[in-house]
Amino acid sequence: MLNDTDIALVGLGLHGSWVARALIKLTPRSLLLWDGDNVEPHNLQSQNYTDRHLGAVKSLATAGNMKAAQRRIPVTTEGMWLPSRPVLGRAASGIVVCCADSMEVRRRLAQQVGWLYGEAALFIETRSLGNDGYLHAFNAASEYVDHYTTTCFPDVVAEIDCGGAGTVAMGMMMASLTTTIVSQWKSSERAQLPLNEHCVQLGYGHQARPFILQERR
């Protein structure tokens, strides 16, 4: 389905480890994984890792899972993303999904995608707070980039406990919604999702509201 599209996924924790599992099923041309953290025992409760992954770098552990699911898709790995590194690697355009746990990374990543890839790229970012989750999606050259960066408050404010069972469900919901947005962006279909302009809010008890996804140019 996405055999002409490259995807970069930054952050392979609560959201990213599940998002990776969902994205590989869309058969992208390539998948680039960014995360230099190691899998720790407390990660096993809510992230897509098992005992055999303990101590492994998350990007490498996730790459192993992806290759087991789709051996024909090139999966490459990197450590922590830095603003000096092109997030899509050698790809000239594609989809960037940010599931990092740093607001500063989110802000700087969106800015880089905007000036480096322009309208050819789609930027998606997920974040959660307990049973509530938020997903931003927009074309990289959109005027929304400037507004989005104002939502990236200081990291110290963003530190929360992401180990509860509710956040596991949210991580899986984010994975499902991310793949839905990617699929509809690729086909330029109109989405009927619980979105308010460019931002999704999910949570137990939230009602869906119609949203028209910005068409790919």
Protein backbone atom coordinates (compact mmCIF):
# COMPACT_ATOMS: atom_id res chain seq x y z
CA MET A 1 0.00 0.00 0.00
CA LEU A 2 2.85 2.40 0.84
CA ASN A 3 5.47 0.81 -1.38
CA ASP A 4 6.55 4.22 -2.69
CA THR A 5 6.65 5.92 0.71
CA ASP A 6 9.46 6.09 3.28
CA ILE A 7 8.59 6.36 6.98
CA ALA A 8 10.70 7.56 9.90
CA LEU A 9 9.49 6.78 13.42
CA VAL A 10 11.08 8.67 16.32
CA GLY A 11 10.55 7.20 19.79
CA LEU A 12 9.79 3.53 20.43
CA GLY A 13 8.20 3.54 23.84
CA LEU A 14 4.57 3.41 24.94
CA HIS A 15 3.20 4.69 21.62
CA GLY A 16 6.04 4.13 19.19
CA SER A 17 6.58 0.42 19.85
CA TRP A 18 2.93 -0.24 18.97
CA VAL A 19 2.84 2.29 16.12
CA ALA A 20 5.80 0.51 14.50
CA ARG A 21 3.95 -2.79 14.62
CA ALA A 22 0.95 -1.21 12.89
CA LEU A 23 2.91 0.76 10.28
CA ILE A 24 4.87 -2.25 9.04
CA LYS A 25 1.56 -3.83 8.02
CA LEU A 26 1.06 -0.97 5.55
CA THR A 27 4.17 -2.22 3.70
CA PRO A 28 6.12 1.06 3.32
CA ARG A 29 9.10 1.26 0.99
CA SER A 30 11.36 1.60 4.01
CA LEU A 31 11.15 2.14 7.75
CA LEU A 32 13.74 4.10 9.75
CA LEU A 33 13.60 3.69 13.54
CA TRP A 34 15.05 6.21 16.00
CA ASP A 35 15.54 5.38 19.70
CA GLY A 36 18.73 4.87 21.67
CA ASP A 37 17.15 3.86 24.98
CA ASN A 38 17.48 0.32 26.31
CA VAL A 39 14.53 -1.93 27.09
CA GLU A 40 14.10 -2.03 30.86
CA PRO A 41 11.95 -4.32 33.05
CA HIS A 42 9.29 -1.65 33.65
CA ASN A 43 8.83 -1.26 29.87
CA LEU A 44 7.44 -4.80 29.57
CA GLN A 45 4.18 -3.78 31.25
CA SER A 46 3.07 -1.32 28.58
CA GLN A 47 5.36 -1.52 25.54
CA ASN A 48 5.71 -4.01 22.69
CA TYR A 49 8.68 -5.86 24.19
CA THR A 50 9.17 -9.19 25.96
CA ASP A 51 11.75 -10.68 28.31
CA ARG A 52 14.04 -11.55 25.40
CA HIS A 53 14.39 -7.83 24.60
CA LEU A 54 15.64 -6.79 28.04
CA GLY A 55 18.83 -4.73 27.81
CA ALA A 56 18.58 -4.33 24.03
CA VAL A 57 18.50 -0.93 22.34
CA LYS A 58 14.87 -0.19 21.54
CA SER A 59 15.49 0.59 17.88
CA LEU A 60 17.25 -2.76 17.42
CA ALA A 61 14.64 -4.69 19.40
CA THR A 62 11.83 -3.13 17.37
CA ALA A 63 13.67 -3.75 14.10
CA GLY A 64 13.81 -7.43 14.99
CA ASN A 65 10.06 -7.46 15.54
CA MET A 66 9.47 -5.67 12.24
CA LYS A 67 11.68 -8.00 10.23
CA ALA A 68 9.84 -10.96 11.67
CA ALA A 69 6.56 -9.43 10.49
CA GLN A 70 7.69 -8.22 7.03
CA ARG A 71 11.08 -9.54 5.94
CA ARG A 72 11.02 -7.83 2.54
CA ILE A 73 10.80 -4.27 3.91
CA PRO A 74 14.15 -2.55 4.62
CA VAL A 75 14.27 -1.55 8.28
CA THR A 76 17.19 0.55 9.49
CA THR A 77 17.97 1.78 13.00
CA GLU A 78 19.49 4.83 14.63
CA GLY A 79 20.02 6.01 18.21
CA MET A 80 18.56 9.19 19.64
CA TRP A 81 17.49 11.74 17.04
CA LEU A 82 19.41 15.01 16.98
CA PRO A 83 18.35 18.14 15.05
CA SER A 84 21.58 17.92 13.04
CA ARG A 85 20.46 14.57 11.57
CA PRO A 86 17.94 14.37 8.69
CA VAL A 87 15.11 12.43 10.28
CA LEU A 88 14.23 10.59 7.06
CA GLY A 89 17.85 9.70 6.43
CA ARG A 90 18.60 9.58 2.71
CA ALA A 91 14.94 9.76 1.73
CA ALA A 92 13.91 12.98 -0.02
CA SER A 93 10.36 12.90 1.34
CA GLY A 94 7.96 10.70 3.25
CA ILE A 95 6.12 10.39 6.55
CA VAL A 96 7.58 11.33 9.92
CA VAL A 97 5.89 9.96 13.04
CA CYS A 98 7.06 11.38 16.37
CA CYS A 99 6.35 9.35 19.49
CA ALA A 100 9.26 10.75 21.48
CA ASP A 101 8.82 11.52 25.17
CA SER A 102 10.46 14.94 24.88
CA MET A 103 8.52 18.07 24.00
CA GLU A 104 11.71 19.74 22.79
CA VAL A 105 12.30 16.87 20.36
CA ARG A 106 8.73 17.22 19.10
CA ARG A 107 9.13 20.96 18.53
CA ARG A 108 12.49 20.78 16.79
CA LEU A 109 11.50 17.76 14.75
CA ALA A 110 8.40 19.50 13.37
CA GLN A 111 10.51 22.51 12.46
CA GLN A 112 13.08 20.37 10.66
CA VAL A 113 10.44 18.46 8.73
CA GLY A 114 8.91 21.77 7.69
CA TRP A 115 12.03 23.38 6.26
CA LEU A 116 13.71 20.21 5.00
CA TYR A 117 10.85 18.32 3.36
CA GLY A 118 8.05 20.83 2.88
CA GLU A 119 4.65 19.80 1.55
CA ALA A 120 5.98 16.46 0.37
CA ALA A 121 6.00 15.22 3.95
CA LEU A 122 3.32 14.32 6.46
CA PHE A 123 4.09 14.92 10.15
CA ILE A 124 2.25 12.97 12.85
CA GLU A 125 2.88 13.30 16.58
CA THR A 126 1.31 11.47 19.50
CA ARG A 127 1.18 12.24 23.20
CA SER A 128 -0.87 11.02 26.15
CA LEU A 129 -1.82 11.83 29.71
CA GLY A 130 -3.28 8.84 31.49
CA ASN A 131 -6.52 7.87 29.74
CA ASP A 132 -6.44 10.88 27.41
CA GLY A 133 -4.41 11.06 24.23
CA TYR A 134 -3.71 13.63 21.55
CA LEU A 135 -2.51 13.24 18.00
CA HIS A 136 -1.41 16.05 15.69
CA ALA A 137 -1.24 15.50 11.93
CA PHE A 138 -0.40 18.03 9.25
CA ASN A 139 1.52 18.62 6.05
CA ALA A 140 5.01 19.81 6.87
CA ALA A 141 4.66 23.11 5.00
CA SER A 142 1.31 23.88 6.60
CA GLU A 143 0.80 27.12 8.52
CA TYR A 144 -0.20 24.84 11.39
CA VAL A 145 3.49 24.12 12.06
CA ASP A 146 3.87 27.47 13.83
CA HIS A 147 0.79 26.83 15.95
CA TYR A 148 1.90 23.29 16.71
CA THR A 149 5.23 24.38 18.14
CA THR A 150 3.38 26.48 20.71
CA THR A 151 1.77 23.29 22.06
CA CYS A 152 5.20 21.88 22.97
CA PHE A 153 5.46 23.08 26.54
CA PRO A 154 8.65 22.55 28.62
CA ASP A 155 9.73 18.95 29.19
CA VAL A 156 9.55 19.31 32.96
CA VAL A 157 5.80 19.87 32.65
CA ALA A 158 5.40 16.83 30.43
CA GLU A 159 6.84 14.26 32.83
CA ILE A 160 4.06 11.81 33.73
CA ASP A 161 3.69 8.17 34.75
CA CYS A 162 3.07 6.07 31.63
CA GLY A 163 2.97 2.64 33.22
CA GLY A 164 -0.72 2.13 33.91
CA ALA A 165 -3.07 -0.23 32.10
CA GLY A 166 -5.03 2.72 30.72
CA THR A 167 -1.99 3.96 28.85
CA VAL A 168 -1.48 0.55 27.25
CA ALA A 169 -4.92 0.84 25.68
CA MET A 170 -4.14 4.40 24.64
CA GLY A 171 -0.91 3.29 22.97
CA MET A 172 -2.81 0.75 20.89
CA MET A 173 -5.50 3.30 20.04
CA MET A 174 -2.81 5.72 18.87
CA ALA A 175 -1.27 3.01 16.69
CA SER A 176 -4.63 2.33 15.06
CA LEU A 177 -5.39 6.00 14.50
CA THR A 178 -1.91 6.70 13.11
CA THR A 179 -2.25 4.00 10.47
CA THR A 180 -5.75 5.25 9.60
CA ILE A 181 -4.47 8.79 9.03
CA VAL A 182 -1.50 7.55 7.00
CA SER A 183 -3.76 5.41 4.81
CA GLN A 184 -6.23 8.22 4.17
CA TRP A 185 -3.48 10.77 3.54
CA LYS A 186 -2.00 8.44 0.97
CA SER A 187 -5.30 7.95 -0.82
CA SER A 188 -6.51 11.55 -0.25
CA GLU A 189 -9.74 10.27 1.25
CA ARG A 190 -11.82 12.22 3.72
CA ALA A 191 -11.56 11.05 7.29
CA GLN A 192 -14.40 10.74 9.75
CA LEU A 193 -12.36 10.84 12.94
CA PRO A 194 -12.56 12.47 16.39
CA LEU A 195 -10.42 15.39 15.24
CA ASN A 196 -10.61 19.11 15.79
CA GLU A 197 -8.99 20.58 12.69
CA HIS A 198 -5.47 19.10 12.87
CA CYS A 199 -5.61 17.64 16.38
CA VAL A 200 -7.14 14.41 17.64
CA GLN A 201 -8.28 13.98 21.23
CA LEU A 202 -8.96 10.44 22.37
CA GLY A 203 -10.16 9.16 25.69
CA TYR A 204 -12.69 6.89 27.26
CA GLY A 205 -16.09 8.50 26.80
CA HIS A 206 -15.01 10.98 24.09
CA GLN A 207 -17.42 11.28 21.17
CA ALA A 208 -16.20 11.32 17.58
CA ARG A 209 -16.54 14.53 15.57
CA PRO A 210 -16.24 14.74 11.76
CA PHE A 211 -12.92 15.93 10.38
CA ILE A 212 -11.66 16.41 6.82
CA LEU A 213 -8.03 15.40 6.53
CA GLN A 214 -5.96 17.85 4.51
CA GLU A 215 -5.52 16.42 1.05
CA ARG A 216 -2.08 15.41 -0.11
CA ARG A 217 -0.61 17.74 -2.74
